[in-house]
Amino acid sequence: MDKGESRFHNPNYPDLTPIQPRNNGETGLFAFDASERLYRKLQLAEKALEDSAEAIHDSMIDPMTGLYNRRYYEHYQATEFDLDTPSNKVGLIFLDIDNLKAFNDSPGGHDAGDEAIMSVAEYFQQNIRSNTDVVMRFGGDEFLLLCYNSHDTEDFEGHLCGFVAERLSDGAPVEFSYGCAVYDSRIDDSLDATKHRADLRMYERKATKKAR
């Protein structure tokens, strides 16, 4: 240690300004004013909070696509969504790539499958209804769109289905199936219940395609 260097300097926090200790002249130990100790504790606590917030945010990002992931949905439902939200205000669109296995079984292998997932993720992100809607990669080849009825559209569920059928499906890099559902406080005891209805409708549409 260089002469005069503080023995309390923490290399993990180089941005923190070291506090110069004073020798008490009796025991050779360094003594700090109470205010200095409190200031240092506050600095460290603030840095810890920043690191924690960044880690939480990073955990809600899908590394392949850069979209939010399932953890974001769970965080939203637990901390932001209110069961007292009026019906017809929040909608979910569940989307699933059709026959991703064909991409994985192609000469390109799983790289081709990953490319299909990334291309459709980018397409969804670029073609959402508005900047208030949120696109999530829910897992594998599944995506979830969280949509807000900002303009008080009377038939919001019909509006969402029309948006997918008439606009989102047109020009998509791969085919996909979808299901729409809007939160209804009379029948949904959670946002998960709304998602479940959207999920079932997506699988019904996928089954109809396969039966053709």
Protein backbone atom coordinates (compact mmCIF):
# COMPACT_ATOMS: atom_id res chain seq x y z
CA MET A 1 0.00 0.00 0.00
CA ASP A 2 1.38 3.39 -0.95
CA LYS A 3 2.05 5.81 1.84
CA GLY A 4 -1.00 7.93 2.52
CA GLU A 5 -3.37 5.59 0.65
CA SER A 6 -6.58 4.90 2.55
CA ARG A 7 -6.76 1.35 3.86
CA PHE A 8 -10.54 1.63 3.51
CA HIS A 9 -10.51 2.17 -0.28
CA ASN A 10 -12.76 -0.44 -1.95
CA PRO A 11 -11.69 -1.35 -5.51
CA ASN A 12 -15.21 -2.62 -6.21
CA TYR A 13 -16.50 0.94 -6.07
CA PRO A 14 -13.79 3.06 -7.74
CA ASP A 15 -16.25 5.91 -8.40
CA LEU A 16 -16.66 6.57 -4.69
CA THR A 17 -14.46 9.36 -3.38
CA PRO A 18 -12.24 7.99 -0.59
CA ILE A 19 -12.62 9.68 2.77
CA GLN A 20 -9.30 10.63 4.28
CA PRO A 21 -8.91 9.13 7.75
CA ARG A 22 -7.50 10.93 10.73
CA ASN A 23 -5.11 9.37 13.22
CA ASN A 24 -6.45 9.70 16.77
CA GLY A 25 -2.88 9.85 18.12
CA GLU A 26 -3.61 7.36 20.87
CA THR A 27 -4.16 3.89 19.47
CA GLY A 28 -3.00 4.43 15.89
CA LEU A 29 -6.47 3.43 14.60
CA PHE A 30 -8.33 5.61 12.16
CA ALA A 31 -11.36 7.47 13.42
CA PHE A 32 -14.18 8.88 11.34
CA ASP A 33 -16.82 11.42 12.18
CA ALA A 34 -20.32 9.98 12.43
CA SER A 35 -21.38 12.13 9.48
CA GLU A 36 -18.58 10.73 7.32
CA ARG A 37 -19.49 7.15 8.18
CA LEU A 38 -23.16 7.82 7.42
CA TYR A 39 -22.26 9.42 4.08
CA ARG A 40 -20.20 6.41 3.08
CA LYS A 41 -23.00 4.01 4.04
CA LEU A 42 -25.47 6.03 1.97
CA GLN A 43 -23.12 5.97 -1.01
CA LEU A 44 -22.73 2.21 -0.81
CA ALA A 45 -26.47 1.65 -0.32
CA GLU A 46 -27.29 3.79 -3.35
CA LYS A 47 -24.78 1.89 -5.49
CA ALA A 48 -26.19 -1.44 -4.31
CA LEU A 49 -29.72 -0.34 -5.23
CA GLU A 50 -28.57 0.73 -8.70
CA ASP A 51 -26.82 -2.61 -9.24
CA SER A 52 -29.89 -4.49 -8.04
CA ALA A 53 -32.27 -2.56 -10.31
CA GLU A 54 -29.99 -3.18 -13.30
CA ALA A 55 -29.80 -6.89 -12.52
CA ILE A 56 -33.60 -7.15 -12.25
CA HIS A 57 -34.03 -5.35 -15.58
CA ASP A 58 -31.46 -7.58 -17.29
CA SER A 59 -33.24 -10.70 -15.99
CA MET A 60 -36.39 -9.61 -17.83
CA ILE A 61 -34.68 -9.40 -21.25
CA ASP A 62 -34.52 -12.35 -23.65
CA PRO A 63 -30.84 -12.64 -24.71
CA MET A 64 -31.61 -13.98 -28.20
CA THR A 65 -34.13 -11.39 -29.38
CA GLY A 66 -33.65 -8.46 -27.02
CA LEU A 67 -37.39 -8.51 -26.26
CA TYR A 68 -38.89 -8.71 -22.80
CA ASN A 69 -39.38 -12.27 -21.56
CA ARG A 70 -41.78 -14.23 -19.33
CA ARG A 71 -40.26 -12.66 -16.21
CA TYR A 72 -41.39 -9.25 -17.44
CA TYR A 73 -44.95 -10.51 -17.73
CA GLU A 74 -44.80 -11.99 -14.23
CA HIS A 75 -43.34 -8.74 -12.88
CA TYR A 76 -46.07 -6.72 -14.64
CA GLN A 77 -48.85 -8.93 -13.28
CA ALA A 78 -47.45 -8.85 -9.74
CA THR A 79 -46.54 -5.16 -9.47
CA GLU A 80 -48.36 -3.13 -12.13
CA PHE A 81 -51.58 -4.84 -13.13
CA ASP A 82 -54.60 -4.02 -10.97
CA LEU A 83 -57.51 -6.47 -10.75
CA ASP A 84 -59.75 -3.41 -10.44
CA THR A 85 -58.77 -2.44 -13.99
CA PRO A 86 -62.01 -1.88 -15.92
CA SER A 87 -62.95 -4.59 -18.41
CA ASN A 88 -61.98 -4.06 -22.05
CA LYS A 89 -58.90 -2.01 -21.13
CA VAL A 90 -56.05 -4.56 -21.35
CA GLY A 91 -55.71 -7.23 -24.01
CA LEU A 92 -53.31 -10.08 -24.72
CA ILE A 93 -52.36 -11.65 -28.04
CA PHE A 94 -50.69 -15.04 -27.81
CA LEU A 95 -48.66 -15.98 -30.91
CA ASP A 96 -46.89 -19.21 -31.83
CA ILE A 97 -44.69 -19.85 -34.88
CA ASP A 98 -46.16 -22.59 -37.07
CA ASN A 99 -44.03 -25.71 -37.54
CA LEU A 100 -40.75 -24.43 -36.12
CA LYS A 101 -39.63 -28.07 -36.22
CA ALA A 102 -39.36 -27.81 -40.01
CA PHE A 103 -36.76 -25.08 -39.61
CA ASN A 104 -34.82 -27.08 -37.03
CA ASP A 105 -34.91 -30.18 -39.25
CA SER A 106 -33.73 -28.28 -42.34
CA PRO A 107 -30.09 -28.32 -43.50
CA GLY A 108 -29.60 -25.16 -41.47
CA GLY A 109 -30.50 -27.05 -38.31
CA HIS A 110 -31.25 -25.16 -35.11
CA ASP A 111 -29.47 -22.10 -36.50
CA ALA A 112 -32.30 -21.86 -39.04
CA GLY A 113 -34.82 -22.18 -36.23
CA ASP A 114 -33.10 -19.45 -34.22
CA GLU A 115 -33.05 -17.23 -37.31
CA ALA A 116 -36.80 -17.72 -37.74
CA ILE A 117 -37.41 -16.76 -34.12
CA MET A 118 -35.22 -13.64 -34.37
CA SER A 119 -36.77 -12.51 -37.65
CA VAL A 120 -40.34 -12.80 -36.39
CA ALA A 121 -39.37 -11.12 -33.10
CA GLU A 122 -38.00 -8.14 -35.02
CA TYR A 123 -41.09 -8.08 -37.24
CA PHE A 124 -43.46 -8.07 -34.26
CA GLN A 125 -41.48 -5.30 -32.57
CA GLN A 126 -41.58 -3.13 -35.69
CA ASN A 127 -45.28 -3.69 -36.38
CA ILE A 128 -47.03 -3.38 -33.03
CA ARG A 129 -50.10 -1.14 -32.92
CA SER A 130 -48.50 1.63 -30.88
CA ASN A 131 -45.49 2.39 -28.69
CA THR A 132 -47.58 1.61 -25.61
CA ASP A 133 -47.92 -2.08 -26.56
CA VAL A 134 -45.27 -4.53 -25.33
CA VAL A 135 -43.90 -7.55 -27.21
CA MET A 136 -42.50 -10.45 -25.19
CA ARG A 137 -40.82 -13.68 -26.19
CA PHE A 138 -42.69 -15.94 -23.83
CA GLY A 139 -40.53 -18.98 -24.46
CA GLY A 140 -39.34 -21.08 -27.38
CA ASP A 141 -41.43 -20.11 -30.40
CA GLU A 142 -44.16 -18.37 -28.36
CA PHE A 143 -44.70 -14.62 -28.13
CA LEU A 144 -47.08 -12.49 -26.11
CA LEU A 145 -48.30 -9.00 -26.95
CA LEU A 146 -49.60 -6.83 -24.10
CA CYS A 147 -51.98 -4.23 -25.55
CA TYR A 148 -53.76 -1.22 -24.06
CA ASN A 149 -57.14 0.11 -25.19
CA SER A 150 -55.96 3.72 -25.28
CA HIS A 151 -58.83 4.90 -27.49
CA ASP A 152 -61.64 3.11 -25.63
CA THR A 153 -62.47 0.89 -28.60
CA GLU A 154 -65.81 -0.75 -27.83
CA ASP A 155 -64.96 -4.23 -29.15
CA PHE A 156 -61.30 -4.27 -28.18
CA GLU A 157 -60.97 -8.04 -28.56
CA GLY A 158 -62.37 -7.89 -32.09
CA HIS A 159 -60.06 -4.99 -32.83
CA LEU A 160 -57.00 -7.00 -31.72
CA CYS A 161 -57.98 -10.05 -33.77
CA GLY A 162 -58.57 -7.83 -36.80
CA PHE A 163 -55.20 -6.17 -36.30
CA VAL A 164 -53.42 -9.53 -36.38
CA ALA A 165 -55.43 -11.01 -39.25
CA GLU A 166 -55.39 -7.94 -41.48
CA ARG A 167 -52.07 -6.31 -40.65
CA LEU A 168 -49.67 -8.36 -38.55
CA SER A 169 -50.04 -11.56 -40.58
CA ASP A 170 -49.47 -9.72 -43.85
CA GLY A 171 -45.76 -9.62 -44.59
CA ALA A 172 -44.65 -11.71 -41.63
CA PRO A 173 -41.41 -13.63 -42.33
CA VAL A 174 -42.94 -16.90 -41.08
CA GLU A 175 -46.47 -18.20 -40.55
CA PHE A 176 -47.87 -18.17 -37.04
CA SER A 177 -51.07 -18.86 -35.15
CA TYR A 178 -52.62 -16.49 -32.64
CA GLY A 179 -55.32 -16.05 -30.05
CA CYS A 180 -56.72 -12.85 -28.53
CA ALA A 181 -58.40 -12.20 -25.21
CA VAL A 182 -59.27 -9.04 -23.28
CA TYR A 183 -59.28 -8.82 -19.49
CA ASP A 184 -62.84 -9.09 -18.18
CA SER A 185 -63.22 -8.54 -14.44
CA ARG A 186 -66.46 -10.55 -14.45
CA ILE A 187 -64.77 -13.80 -15.46
CA ASP A 188 -61.01 -13.32 -14.96
CA ASP A 189 -59.61 -13.57 -11.43
CA SER A 190 -56.14 -12.68 -12.72
CA LEU A 191 -54.35 -11.63 -15.88
CA ASP A 192 -53.20 -15.24 -16.13
CA ALA A 193 -56.84 -16.21 -16.70
CA THR A 194 -56.97 -13.80 -19.64
CA LYS A 195 -53.71 -15.23 -20.98
CA HIS A 196 -55.10 -18.74 -20.65
CA ARG A 197 -58.10 -17.83 -22.82
CA ALA A 198 -55.80 -16.29 -25.45
CA ASP A 199 -53.58 -19.39 -25.33
CA LEU A 200 -56.54 -21.75 -25.86
CA ARG A 201 -57.77 -19.74 -28.83
CA MET A 202 -54.30 -19.82 -30.36
CA TYR A 203 -54.19 -23.63 -30.11
CA GLU A 204 -57.70 -23.87 -31.55
CA ARG A 205 -56.59 -21.84 -34.56
CA LYS A 206 -53.43 -23.94 -34.95
CA ALA A 207 -55.48 -27.17 -34.82
CA THR A 208 -57.83 -25.84 -37.49
CA LYS A 209 -54.85 -25.13 -39.75
CA LYS A 210 -53.49 -28.65 -39.30
CA ALA A 211 -56.89 -30.19 -40.06
CA ARG A 212 -57.08 -28.54 -43.50
